[in-house]
Amino acid sequence: MRGLISFVAVIAVIQGLAGFAGRVWFDREWGFLHRLVDLPVPAYLGVAAAGVVVLILADNARKRDRG
């Protein structure tokens, strides 16, 4: 289950960074996230940051389970 959570978190980081880069430097939408919701540019960085936080928490939980 943690592997799936980590995978989804990585996808969130990629979508957040791609959406931010696409709107700031290339004036067009990148990724899949813009097809679901209309986000302002700073929100894409928030999505990426949330993905990083979930990755850190999942990694800490995995290490804690291993002892």
Protein backbone atom coordinates (compact mmCIF):
# COMPACT_ATOMS: atom_id res chain seq x y z
CA MET A 1 0.00 0.00 0.00
CA ARG A 2 2.83 2.42 0.80
CA GLY A 3 4.30 1.73 -2.61
CA LEU A 4 1.07 2.88 -4.23
CA ILE A 5 0.97 5.99 -2.04
CA SER A 6 4.56 6.79 -2.98
CA PHE A 7 3.78 6.31 -6.66
CA VAL A 8 0.81 8.68 -6.48
CA ALA A 9 2.95 11.21 -4.60
CA VAL A 10 5.61 11.09 -7.33
CA ILE A 11 2.91 11.66 -9.96
CA ALA A 12 1.66 14.67 -7.94
CA VAL A 13 5.17 16.12 -7.81
CA ILE A 14 5.62 15.67 -11.56
CA GLN A 15 2.22 17.17 -12.36
CA GLY A 16 2.81 20.12 -10.06
CA LEU A 17 6.24 20.94 -11.44
CA ALA A 18 5.19 20.39 -15.06
CA GLY A 19 2.09 22.54 -14.64
CA PHE A 20 4.11 25.32 -13.04
CA ALA A 21 6.86 25.23 -15.67
CA GLY A 22 4.37 25.07 -18.52
CA ARG A 23 2.40 28.09 -17.36
CA VAL A 24 5.36 30.23 -16.32
CA TRP A 25 7.91 29.65 -19.07
CA PHE A 26 5.94 28.30 -22.02
CA ASP A 27 2.50 29.97 -21.68
CA ARG A 28 0.60 26.72 -22.07
CA GLU A 29 -0.67 23.92 -19.88
CA TRP A 30 1.40 20.80 -19.36
CA GLY A 31 0.41 17.53 -17.76
CA PHE A 32 -3.00 16.11 -16.93
CA LEU A 33 -3.95 18.17 -13.89
CA HIS A 34 -5.22 21.14 -15.89
CA ARG A 35 -7.83 18.89 -17.51
CA LEU A 36 -9.36 18.19 -14.10
CA VAL A 37 -9.20 21.58 -12.36
CA ASP A 38 -8.28 25.16 -13.22
CA LEU A 39 -5.48 26.07 -10.83
CA PRO A 40 -3.56 29.31 -10.46
CA VAL A 41 0.20 29.12 -10.98
CA PRO A 42 1.18 29.04 -7.25
CA ALA A 43 -1.21 26.16 -6.65
CA TYR A 44 0.85 23.96 -8.94
CA LEU A 45 3.80 24.44 -6.59
CA GLY A 46 1.48 23.57 -3.71
CA VAL A 47 0.57 20.29 -5.42
CA ALA A 48 4.26 19.50 -5.88
CA ALA A 49 5.02 20.40 -2.25
CA ALA A 50 2.16 18.21 -1.01
CA GLY A 51 3.57 15.33 -3.04
CA VAL A 52 7.01 15.82 -1.49
CA VAL A 53 5.49 15.86 2.01
CA VAL A 54 3.62 12.61 1.33
CA LEU A 55 6.80 11.02 -0.03
CA ILE A 56 8.71 11.97 3.12
CA LEU A 57 5.96 10.68 5.41
CA ALA A 58 5.67 7.40 3.49
CA ASP A 59 9.44 6.89 3.62
CA ASN A 60 9.53 7.57 7.36
CA ALA A 61 6.68 5.12 7.93
CA ARG A 62 8.49 2.47 5.88
CA LYS A 63 11.68 2.95 7.89
CA ARG A 64 9.77 2.87 11.16
CA ASP A 65 8.11 -0.45 10.21
CA ARG A 66 11.47 -2.02 9.39
CA GLY A 67 12.79 -1.04 12.78
